[in-house]
Amino acid sequence: MGIIYAYLGDYDKSLAASREVLKLNPGSGSAYVTLVSSYQYLNRFDEAKATAQEAQAHNLDSPQMHLSLYLLDFLQDNAAGMEQDVAGLMGKPGYED
């Protein structure tokens, strides 16, 4: 449901639904990506970054998460962070594109 609310532009409901998914399934990488994206759209960048770091601490890594981190660094005018996000994908099959 979280992603549906996000597509509809209701990011507060998206956050609530995604948090509920994570209570039921803490290993849901897609729920983390939806949370990070929703925080970004709400200009809650610190929470977006913390959520991404939490996902990575649980070894939930995906091209979508790296794209979310790249976008977050772009929005914060963090060129070094953007380079780090891209470098983190190099050498990982399926991620480089």
PDB file of N, CA and C in Angstrom:
ATOM      1  N   MET A   1       0.813  -1.198   0.000  1.00  0.00           N
ATOM      2  CA  MET A   1       0.000   0.000   0.000  1.00  0.00           C
ATOM      3  C   MET A   1       0.853   1.258   0.000  1.00  0.00           C
ATOM      4  N   GLY A   2       2.007   1.189   0.673  1.00  0.00           N
ATOM      5  CA  GLY A   2       2.854   2.371   0.776  1.00  0.00           C
ATOM      6  C   GLY A   2       3.219   2.944  -0.574  1.00  0.00           C
ATOM      7  N   ILE A   3       3.571   2.072  -1.497  1.00  0.00           N
ATOM      8  CA  ILE A   3       3.970   2.558  -2.816  1.00  0.00           C
ATOM      9  C   ILE A   3       2.777   3.150  -3.572  1.00  0.00           C
ATOM     10  N   ILE A   4       1.590   2.598  -3.349  1.00  0.00           N
ATOM     11  CA  ILE A   4       0.396   3.143  -4.004  1.00  0.00           C
ATOM     12  C   ILE A   4       0.122   4.554  -3.500  1.00  0.00           C
ATOM     13  N   TYR A   5       0.194   4.733  -2.172  1.00  0.00           N
ATOM     14  CA  TYR A   5       0.011   6.080  -1.622  1.00  0.00           C
ATOM     15  C   TYR A   5       1.069   7.041  -2.165  1.00  0.00           C
ATOM     16  N   ALA A   6       2.294   6.549  -2.309  1.00  0.00           N
ATOM     17  CA  ALA A   6       3.363   7.402  -2.843  1.00  0.00           C
ATOM     18  C   ALA A   6       3.049   7.812  -4.283  1.00  0.00           C
ATOM     19  N   TYR A   7       2.592   6.865  -5.093  1.00  0.00           N
ATOM     20  CA  TYR A   7       2.227   7.194  -6.478  1.00  0.00           C
ATOM     21  C   TYR A   7       1.092   8.209  -6.539  1.00  0.00           C
ATOM     22  N   LEU A   8       0.215   8.162  -5.533  1.00  0.00           N
ATOM     23  CA  LEU A   8      -0.906   9.105  -5.481  1.00  0.00           C
ATOM     24  C   LEU A   8      -0.511  10.445  -4.869  1.00  0.00           C
ATOM     25  N   GLY A   9       0.731  10.522  -4.374  1.00  0.00           N
ATOM     26  CA  GLY A   9       1.219  11.771  -3.795  1.00  0.00           C
ATOM     27  C   GLY A   9       0.850  11.973  -2.344  1.00  0.00           C
ATOM     28  N   ASP A  10       0.321  10.942  -1.690  1.00  0.00           N
ATOM     29  CA  ASP A  10      -0.029  11.041  -0.269  1.00  0.00           C
ATOM     30  C   ASP A  10       1.108  10.413   0.545  1.00  0.00           C
ATOM     31  N   TYR A  11       2.157  11.192   0.734  1.00  0.00           N
ATOM     32  CA  TYR A  11       3.389  10.664   1.319  1.00  0.00           C
ATOM     33  C   TYR A  11       3.266  10.366   2.805  1.00  0.00           C
ATOM     34  N   ASP A  12       2.409  11.081   3.520  1.00  0.00           N
ATOM     35  CA  ASP A  12       2.206  10.762   4.933  1.00  0.00           C
ATOM     36  C   ASP A  12       1.580   9.382   5.088  1.00  0.00           C
ATOM     37  N   LYS A  13       0.585   9.073   4.271  1.00  0.00           N
ATOM     38  CA  LYS A  13      -0.017   7.737   4.312  1.00  0.00           C
ATOM     39  C   LYS A  13       0.981   6.689   3.832  1.00  0.00           C
ATOM     40  N   SER A  14       1.808   7.057   2.878  1.00  0.00           N
ATOM     41  CA  SER A  14       2.837   6.149   2.391  1.00  0.00           C
ATOM     42  C   SER A  14       3.804   5.773   3.510  1.00  0.00           C
ATOM     43  N   LEU A  15       4.199   6.778   4.301  1.00  0.00           N
ATOM     44  CA  LEU A  15       5.085   6.517   5.436  1.00  0.00           C
ATOM     45  C   LEU A  15       4.439   5.547   6.413  1.00  0.00           C
ATOM     46  N   ALA A  16       3.193   5.812   6.776  1.00  0.00           N
ATOM     47  CA  ALA A  16       2.495   4.963   7.747  1.00  0.00           C
ATOM     48  C   ALA A  16       2.360   3.533   7.233  1.00  0.00           C
ATOM     49  N   ALA A  17       1.974   3.374   5.978  1.00  0.00           N
ATOM     50  CA  ALA A  17       1.801   2.038   5.412  1.00  0.00           C
ATOM     51  C   ALA A  17       3.133   1.298   5.320  1.00  0.00           C
ATOM     52  N   SER A  18       4.181   1.999   4.934  1.00  0.00           N
ATOM     53  CA  SER A  18       5.498   1.362   4.807  1.00  0.00           C
ATOM     54  C   SER A  18       6.048   0.962   6.168  1.00  0.00           C
ATOM     55  N   ARG A  19       5.818   1.788   7.175  1.00  0.00           N
ATOM     56  CA  ARG A  19       6.245   1.420   8.534  1.00  0.00           C
ATOM     57  C   ARG A  19       5.511   0.167   9.004  1.00  0.00           C
ATOM     58  N   GLU A  20       4.239   0.069   8.677  1.00  0.00           N
ATOM     59  CA  GLU A  20       3.456  -1.108   9.057  1.00  0.00           C
ATOM     60  C   GLU A  20       4.010  -2.356   8.372  1.00  0.00           C
ATOM     61  N   VAL A  21       4.373  -2.241   7.106  1.00  0.00           N
ATOM     62  CA  VAL A  21       4.976  -3.373   6.391  1.00  0.00           C
ATOM     63  C   VAL A  21       6.254  -3.808   7.095  1.00  0.00           C
ATOM     64  N   LEU A  22       7.072  -2.843   7.519  1.00  0.00           N
ATOM     65  CA  LEU A  22       8.338  -3.183   8.169  1.00  0.00           C
ATOM     66  C   LEU A  22       8.129  -3.826   9.538  1.00  0.00           C
ATOM     67  N   LYS A  23       7.028  -3.512  10.205  1.00  0.00           N
ATOM     68  CA  LYS A  23       6.715  -4.207  11.466  1.00  0.00           C
ATOM     69  C   LYS A  23       6.438  -5.676  11.195  1.00  0.00           C
ATOM     70  N   LEU A  24       5.732  -5.944  10.103  1.00  0.00           N
ATOM     71  CA  LEU A  24       5.367  -7.314   9.753  1.00  0.00           C
ATOM     72  C   LEU A  24       6.498  -8.053   9.051  1.00  0.00           C
ATOM     73  N   ASN A  25       7.298  -7.315   8.284  1.00  0.00           N
ATOM     74  CA  ASN A  25       8.387  -7.921   7.512  1.00  0.00           C
ATOM     75  C   ASN A  25       9.589  -6.982   7.513  1.00  0.00           C
ATOM     76  N   PRO A  26      10.429  -7.067   8.560  1.00  0.00           N
ATOM     77  CA  PRO A  26      11.574  -6.151   8.655  1.00  0.00           C
ATOM     78  C   PRO A  26      12.589  -6.301   7.526  1.00  0.00           C
ATOM     79  N   GLY A  27      12.478  -7.345   6.734  1.00  0.00           N
ATOM     80  CA  GLY A  27      13.407  -7.562   5.636  1.00  0.00           C
ATOM     81  C   GLY A  27      12.901  -7.049   4.297  1.00  0.00           C
ATOM     82  N   SER A  28      11.869  -6.233   4.316  1.00  0.00           N
ATOM     83  CA  SER A  28      11.293  -5.725   3.068  1.00  0.00           C
ATOM     84  C   SER A  28      12.095  -4.540   2.537  1.00  0.00           C
ATOM     85  N   GLY A  29      12.949  -4.822   1.575  1.00  0.00           N
ATOM     86  CA  GLY A  29      13.745  -3.759   0.972  1.00  0.00           C
ATOM     87  C   GLY A  29      12.894  -2.734   0.255  1.00  0.00           C
ATOM     88  N   SER A  30      11.812  -3.185  -0.372  1.00  0.00           N
ATOM     89  CA  SER A  30      10.953  -2.244  -1.097  1.00  0.00           C
ATOM     90  C   SER A  30      10.252  -1.279  -0.146  1.00  0.00           C
ATOM     91  N   ALA A  31       9.903  -1.734   1.055  1.00  0.00           N
ATOM     92  CA  ALA A  31       9.285  -0.833   2.036  1.00  0.00           C
ATOM     93  C   ALA A  31      10.282   0.234   2.470  1.00  0.00           C
ATOM     94  N   TYR A  32      11.545  -0.162   2.637  1.00  0.00           N
ATOM     95  CA  TYR A  32      12.575   0.827   2.982  1.00  0.00           C
ATOM     96  C   TYR A  32      12.743   1.859   1.871  1.00  0.00           C
ATOM     97  N   VAL A  33      12.775   1.404   0.625  1.00  0.00           N
ATOM     98  CA  VAL A  33      12.928   2.333  -0.501  1.00  0.00           C
ATOM     99  C   VAL A  33      11.744   3.298  -0.548  1.00  0.00           C
ATOM    100  N   THR A  34      10.546   2.784  -0.321  1.00  0.00           N
ATOM    101  CA  THR A  34       9.360   3.643  -0.319  1.00  0.00           C
ATOM    102  C   THR A  34       9.429   4.653   0.813  1.00  0.00           C
ATOM    103  N   LEU A  35       9.891   4.221   1.988  1.00  0.00           N
ATOM    104  CA  LEU A  35      10.059   5.147   3.114  1.00  0.00           C
ATOM    105  C   LEU A  35      11.041   6.258   2.764  1.00  0.00           C
ATOM    106  N   VAL A  36      12.193   5.871   2.247  1.00  0.00           N
ATOM    107  CA  VAL A  36      13.222   6.859   1.901  1.00  0.00           C
ATOM    108  C   VAL A  36      12.674   7.854   0.882  1.00  0.00           C
ATOM    109  N   SER A  37      12.023   7.350  -0.147  1.00  0.00           N
ATOM    110  CA  SER A  37      11.471   8.234  -1.181  1.00  0.00           C
ATOM    111  C   SER A  37      10.407   9.166  -0.616  1.00  0.00           C
ATOM    112  N   SER A  38       9.549   8.643   0.236  1.00  0.00           N
ATOM    113  CA  SER A  38       8.490   9.475   0.820  1.00  0.00           C
ATOM    114  C   SER A  38       9.076  10.564   1.703  1.00  0.00           C
ATOM    115  N   TYR A  39      10.077  10.213   2.497  1.00  0.00           N
ATOM    116  CA  TYR A  39      10.748  11.238   3.309  1.00  0.00           C
ATOM    117  C   TYR A  39      11.351  12.321   2.410  1.00  0.00           C
ATOM    118  N   GLN A  40      11.926  11.904   1.290  1.00  0.00           N
ATOM    119  CA  GLN A  40      12.509  12.883   0.365  1.00  0.00           C
ATOM    120  C   GLN A  40      11.446  13.840  -0.159  1.00  0.00           C
ATOM    121  N   TYR A  41      10.320  13.298  -0.578  1.00  0.00           N
ATOM    122  CA  TYR A  41       9.254  14.151  -1.117  1.00  0.00           C
ATOM    123  C   TYR A  41       8.683  15.098  -0.067  1.00  0.00           C
ATOM    124  N   LEU A  42       8.810  14.725   1.200  1.00  0.00           N
ATOM    125  CA  LEU A  42       8.341  15.586   2.293  1.00  0.00           C
ATOM    126  C   LEU A  42       9.447  16.512   2.806  1.00  0.00           C
ATOM    127  N   ASN A  43      10.593  16.512   2.104  1.00  0.00           N
ATOM    128  CA  ASN A  43      11.758  17.328   2.495  1.00  0.00           C
ATOM    129  C   ASN A  43      12.271  16.981   3.886  1.00  0.00           C
ATOM    130  N   ARG A  44      12.151  15.733   4.256  1.00  0.00           N
ATOM    131  CA  ARG A  44      12.645  15.244   5.545  1.00  0.00           C
ATOM    132  C   ARG A  44      13.918  14.435   5.267  1.00  0.00           C
ATOM    133  N   PHE A  45      14.942  15.166   4.830  1.00  0.00           N
ATOM    134  CA  PHE A  45      16.157  14.541   4.324  1.00  0.00           C
ATOM    135  C   PHE A  45      16.932  13.771   5.385  1.00  0.00           C
ATOM    136  N   ASP A  46      16.987  14.269   6.610  1.00  0.00           N
ATOM    137  CA  ASP A  46      17.715  13.552   7.663  1.00  0.00           C
ATOM    138  C   ASP A  46      17.066  12.197   7.936  1.00  0.00           C
ATOM    139  N   GLU A  47      15.742  12.166   7.956  1.00  0.00           N
ATOM    140  CA  GLU A  47      15.038  10.904   8.180  1.00  0.00           C
ATOM    141  C   GLU A  47      15.211   9.963   6.988  1.00  0.00           C
ATOM    142  N   ALA A  48      15.257  10.521   5.796  1.00  0.00           N
ATOM    143  CA  ALA A  48      15.491   9.701   4.604  1.00  0.00           C
ATOM    144  C   ALA A  48      16.856   9.031   4.690  1.00  0.00           C
ATOM    145  N   LYS A  49      17.869   9.805   5.039  1.00  0.00           N
ATOM    146  CA  LYS A  49      19.234   9.271   5.141  1.00  0.00           C
ATOM    147  C   LYS A  49      19.324   8.216   6.240  1.00  0.00           C
ATOM    148  N   ALA A  50      18.719   8.499   7.399  1.00  0.00           N
ATOM    149  CA  ALA A  50      18.752   7.543   8.513  1.00  0.00           C
ATOM    150  C   ALA A  50      18.047   6.239   8.137  1.00  0.00           C
ATOM    151  N   THR A  51      16.951   6.339   7.419  1.00  0.00           N
ATOM    152  CA  THR A  51      16.215   5.148   6.995  1.00  0.00           C
ATOM    153  C   THR A  51      17.037   4.331   6.003  1.00  0.00           C
ATOM    154  N   ALA A  52      17.704   4.998   5.081  1.00  0.00           N
ATOM    155  CA  ALA A  52      18.568   4.300   4.123  1.00  0.00           C
ATOM    156  C   ALA A  52      19.709   3.594   4.846  1.00  0.00           C
ATOM    157  N   GLN A  53      20.293   4.260   5.828  1.00  0.00           N
ATOM    158  CA  GLN A  53      21.383   3.648   6.593  1.00  0.00           C
ATOM    159  C   GLN A  53      20.880   2.453   7.399  1.00  0.00           C
ATOM    160  N   GLU A  54      19.667   2.549   7.920  1.00  0.00           N
ATOM    161  CA  GLU A  54      19.072   1.423   8.648  1.00  0.00           C
ATOM    162  C   GLU A  54      18.886   0.228   7.717  1.00  0.00           C
ATOM    163  N   ALA A  55      18.407   0.479   6.508  1.00  0.00           N
ATOM    164  CA  ALA A  55      18.228  -0.601   5.536  1.00  0.00           C
ATOM    165  C   ALA A  55      19.565  -1.250   5.207  1.00  0.00           C
ATOM    166  N   GLN A  56      20.583  -0.433   4.994  1.00  0.00           N
ATOM    167  CA  GLN A  56      21.904  -0.971   4.672  1.00  0.00           C
ATOM    168  C   GLN A  56      22.489  -1.741   5.848  1.00  0.00           C
ATOM    169  N   ALA A  57      22.184  -1.322   7.063  1.00  0.00           N
ATOM    170  CA  ALA A  57      22.653  -2.051   8.247  1.00  0.00           C
ATOM    171  C   ALA A  57      22.024  -3.441   8.318  1.00  0.00           C
ATOM    172  N   HIS A  58      20.849  -3.594   7.710  1.00  0.00           N
ATOM    173  CA  HIS A  58      20.181  -4.893   7.645  1.00  0.00           C
ATOM    174  C   HIS A  58      20.542  -5.647   6.358  1.00  0.00           C
ATOM    175  N   ASN A  59      21.587  -5.181   5.682  1.00  0.00           N
ATOM    176  CA  ASN A  59      22.058  -5.793   4.430  1.00  0.00           C
ATOM    177  C   ASN A  59      20.984  -5.808   3.346  1.00  0.00           C
ATOM    178  N   LEU A  60      20.140  -4.791   3.339  1.00  0.00           N
ATOM    179  CA  LEU A  60      19.127  -4.647   2.296  1.00  0.00           C
ATOM    180  C   LEU A  60      19.657  -3.645   1.281  1.00  0.00           C
ATOM    181  N   ASP A  61      20.216  -4.175   0.228  1.00  0.00           N
ATOM    182  CA  ASP A  61      20.868  -3.346  -0.776  1.00  0.00           C
ATOM    183  C   ASP A  61      20.190  -3.584  -2.113  1.00  0.00           C
ATOM    184  N   SER A  62      19.951  -2.522  -2.832  1.00  0.00           N
ATOM    185  CA  SER A  62      19.316  -2.652  -4.143  1.00  0.00           C
ATOM    186  C   SER A  62      19.686  -1.443  -4.989  1.00  0.00           C
ATOM    187  N   PRO A  63      19.576  -1.584  -6.300  1.00  0.00           N
ATOM    188  CA  PRO A  63      19.816  -0.414  -7.151  1.00  0.00           C
ATOM    189  C   PRO A  63      18.869   0.738  -6.804  1.00  0.00           C
ATOM    190  N   GLN A  64      17.631   0.409  -6.432  1.00  0.00           N
ATOM    191  CA  GLN A  64      16.666   1.452  -6.087  1.00  0.00           C
ATOM    192  C   GLN A  64      17.099   2.236  -4.855  1.00  0.00           C
ATOM    193  N   MET A  65      17.686   1.550  -3.873  1.00  0.00           N
ATOM    194  CA  MET A  65      18.148   2.247  -2.669  1.00  0.00           C
ATOM    195  C   MET A  65      19.296   3.184  -3.021  1.00  0.00           C
ATOM    196  N   HIS A  66      20.206   2.712  -3.868  1.00  0.00           N
ATOM    197  CA  HIS A  66      21.320   3.570  -4.274  1.00  0.00           C
ATOM    198  C   HIS A  66      20.827   4.769  -5.087  1.00  0.00           C
ATOM    199  N   LEU A  67      19.826   4.557  -5.916  1.00  0.00           N
ATOM    200  CA  LEU A  67      19.243   5.666  -6.665  1.00  0.00           C
ATOM    201  C   LEU A  67      18.607   6.673  -5.706  1.00  0.00           C
ATOM    202  N   SER A  68      17.934   6.169  -4.678  1.00  0.00           N
ATOM    203  CA  SER A  68      17.336   7.062  -3.675  1.00  0.00           C
ATOM    204  C   SER A  68      18.410   7.856  -2.947  1.00  0.00           C
ATOM    205  N   LEU A  69      19.509   7.200  -2.605  1.00  0.00           N
ATOM    206  CA  LEU A  69      20.609   7.898  -1.931  1.00  0.00           C
ATOM    207  C   LEU A  69      21.237   8.940  -2.852  1.00  0.00           C
ATOM    208  N   TYR A  70      21.392   8.576  -4.125  1.00  0.00           N
ATOM    209  CA  TYR A  70      21.946   9.520  -5.097  1.00  0.00           C
ATOM    210  C   TYR A  70      21.045  10.751  -5.209  1.00  0.00           C
ATOM    211  N   LEU A  71      19.750  10.526  -5.315  1.00  0.00           N
ATOM    212  CA  LEU A  71      18.800  11.635  -5.405  1.00  0.00           C
ATOM    213  C   LEU A  71      18.850  12.498  -4.149  1.00  0.00           C
ATOM    214  N   LEU A  72      18.954  11.868  -3.003  1.00  0.00           N
ATOM    215  CA  LEU A  72      19.052  12.609  -1.747  1.00  0.00           C
ATOM    216  C   LEU A  72      20.294  13.492  -1.742  1.00  0.00           C
ATOM    217  N   ASP A  73      21.421  12.938  -2.164  1.00  0.00           N
ATOM    218  CA  ASP A  73      22.649  13.736  -2.226  1.00  0.00           C
ATOM    219  C   ASP A  73      22.527  14.856  -3.259  1.00  0.00           C
ATOM    220  N   PHE A  74      21.855  14.576  -4.377  1.00  0.00           N
ATOM    221  CA  PHE A  74      21.624  15.615  -5.383  1.00  0.00           C
ATOM    222  C   PHE A  74      20.795  16.758  -4.792  1.00  0.00           C
ATOM    223  N   LEU A  75      19.726  16.416  -4.099  1.00  0.00           N
ATOM    224  CA  LEU A  75      18.849  17.433  -3.512  1.00  0.00           C
ATOM    225  C   LEU A  75      19.560  18.270  -2.454  1.00  0.00           C
ATOM    226  N   GLN A  76      20.585  17.677  -1.835  1.00  0.00           N
ATOM    227  CA  GLN A  76      21.335  18.386  -0.806  1.00  0.00           C
ATOM    228  C   GLN A  76      22.625  18.991  -1.358  1.00  0.00           C
ATOM    229  N   ASP A  77      22.770  18.982  -2.686  1.00  0.00           N
ATOM    230  CA  ASP A  77      23.947  19.542  -3.353  1.00  0.00           C
ATOM    231  C   ASP A  77      25.242  18.940  -2.808  1.00  0.00           C
ATOM    232  N   ASN A  78      25.235  17.616  -2.668  1.00  0.00           N
ATOM    233  CA  ASN A  78      26.365  16.885  -2.110  1.00  0.00           C
ATOM    234  C   ASN A  78      27.043  16.079  -3.220  1.00  0.00           C
ATOM    235  N   ALA A  79      27.929  16.728  -3.970  1.00  0.00           N
ATOM    236  CA  ALA A  79      28.603  16.076  -5.095  1.00  0.00           C
ATOM    237  C   ALA A  79      29.454  14.900  -4.635  1.00  0.00           C
ATOM    238  N   ALA A  80      30.132  15.049  -3.506  1.00  0.00           N
ATOM    239  CA  ALA A  80      30.967  13.955  -2.999  1.00  0.00           C
ATOM    240  C   ALA A  80      30.104  12.743  -2.654  1.00  0.00           C
ATOM    241  N   GLY A  81      28.954  12.978  -2.075  1.00  0.00           N
ATOM    242  CA  GLY A  81      28.040  11.884  -1.755  1.00  0.00           C
ATOM    243  C   GLY A  81      27.525  11.198  -3.005  1.00  0.00           C
ATOM    244  N   MET A  82      27.246  11.992  -4.042  1.00  0.00           N
ATOM    245  CA  MET A  82      26.785  11.424  -5.307  1.00  0.00           C
ATOM    246  C   MET A  82      27.857  10.518  -5.905  1.00  0.00           C
ATOM    247  N   GLU A  83      29.102  10.965  -5.868  1.00  0.00           N
ATOM    248  CA  GLU A  83      30.207  10.145  -6.379  1.00  0.00           C
ATOM    249  C   GLU A  83      30.334   8.862  -5.574  1.00  0.00           C
ATOM    250  N   GLN A  84      30.172   8.965  -4.266  1.00  0.00           N
ATOM    251  CA  GLN A  84      30.263   7.791  -3.392  1.00  0.00           C
ATOM    252  C   GLN A  84      29.125   6.808  -3.705  1.00  0.00           C
ATOM    253  N   ASP A  85      27.929   7.330  -3.958  1.00  0.00           N
ATOM    254  CA  ASP A  85      26.795   6.466  -4.292  1.00  0.00           C
ATOM    255  C   ASP A  85      27.057   5.689  -5.576  1.00  0.00           C
ATOM    256  N   VAL A  86      27.599   6.364  -6.584  1.00  0.00           N
ATOM    257  CA  VAL A  86      27.906   5.710  -7.856  1.00  0.00           C
ATOM    258  C   VAL A  86      29.036   4.700  -7.664  1.00  0.00           C
ATOM    259  N   ALA A  87      30.065   5.085  -6.934  1.00  0.00           N
ATOM    260  CA  ALA A  87      31.205   4.191  -6.703  1.00  0.00           C
ATOM    261  C   ALA A  87      30.773   2.929  -5.964  1.00  0.00           C
ATOM    262  N   GLY A  88      29.790   3.054  -5.088  1.00  0.00           N
ATOM    263  CA  GLY A  88      29.309   1.901  -4.333  1.00  0.00           C
ATOM    264  C   GLY A  88      28.632   0.857  -5.198  1.00  0.00           C
ATOM    265  N   LEU A  89      28.240   1.234  -6.391  1.00  0.00           N
ATOM    266  CA  LEU A  89      27.581   0.295  -7.304  1.00  0.00           C
ATOM    267  C   LEU A  89      28.542  -0.379  -8.266  1.00  0.00           C
ATOM    268  N   MET A  90      29.707   0.193  -8.445  1.00  0.00           N
ATOM    269  CA  MET A  90      30.655  -0.350  -9.412  1.00  0.00           C
ATOM    270  C   MET A  90      31.088  -1.758  -9.009  1.00  0.00           C
ATOM    271  N   GLY A  91      31.140  -2.611 -10.002  1.00  0.00           N
ATOM    272  CA  GLY A  91      31.575  -3.980  -9.769  1.00  0.00           C
ATOM    273  C   GLY A  91      30.474  -4.898  -9.274  1.00  0.00           C
ATOM    274  N   LYS A  92      29.260  -4.379  -9.126  1.00  0.00           N
ATOM    275  CA  LYS A  92      28.142  -5.214  -8.690  1.00  0.00           C
ATOM    276  C   LYS A  92      27.291  -5.551  -9.908  1.00  0.00           C
ATOM    277  N   PRO A  93      27.271  -6.815 -10.296  1.00  0.00           N
ATOM    278  CA  PRO A  93      26.504  -7.206 -11.482  1.00  0.00           C
ATOM    279  C   PRO A  93      25.037  -6.777 -11.373  1.00  0.00           C
ATOM    280  N   GLY A  94      24.550  -6.182 -12.450  1.00  0.00           N
ATOM    281  CA  GLY A  94      23.163  -5.745 -12.481  1.00  0.00           C
ATOM    282  C   GLY A  94      22.928  -4.371 -11.899  1.00  0.00           C
ATOM    283  N   TYR A  95      23.911  -3.826 -11.218  1.00  0.00           N
ATOM    284  CA  TYR A  95      23.756  -2.522 -10.588  1.00  0.00           C
ATOM    285  C   TYR A  95      24.364  -1.407 -11.420  1.00  0.00           C
ATOM    286  N   GLU A  96      25.340  -1.723 -12.230  1.00  0.00           N
ATOM    287  CA  GLU A  96      26.112  -0.696 -12.924  1.00  0.00           C
ATOM    288  C   GLU A  96      25.294   0.087 -13.942  1.00  0.00           C
ATOM    289  N   ASP A  97      24.239  -0.473 -14.457  1.00  0.00           N
ATOM    290  CA  ASP A  97      23.442   0.216 -15.462  1.00  0.00           C
ATOM    291  C   ASP A  97      22.490   1.165 -14.799  1.00  0.00           C
TER     292      ASP A  97
END
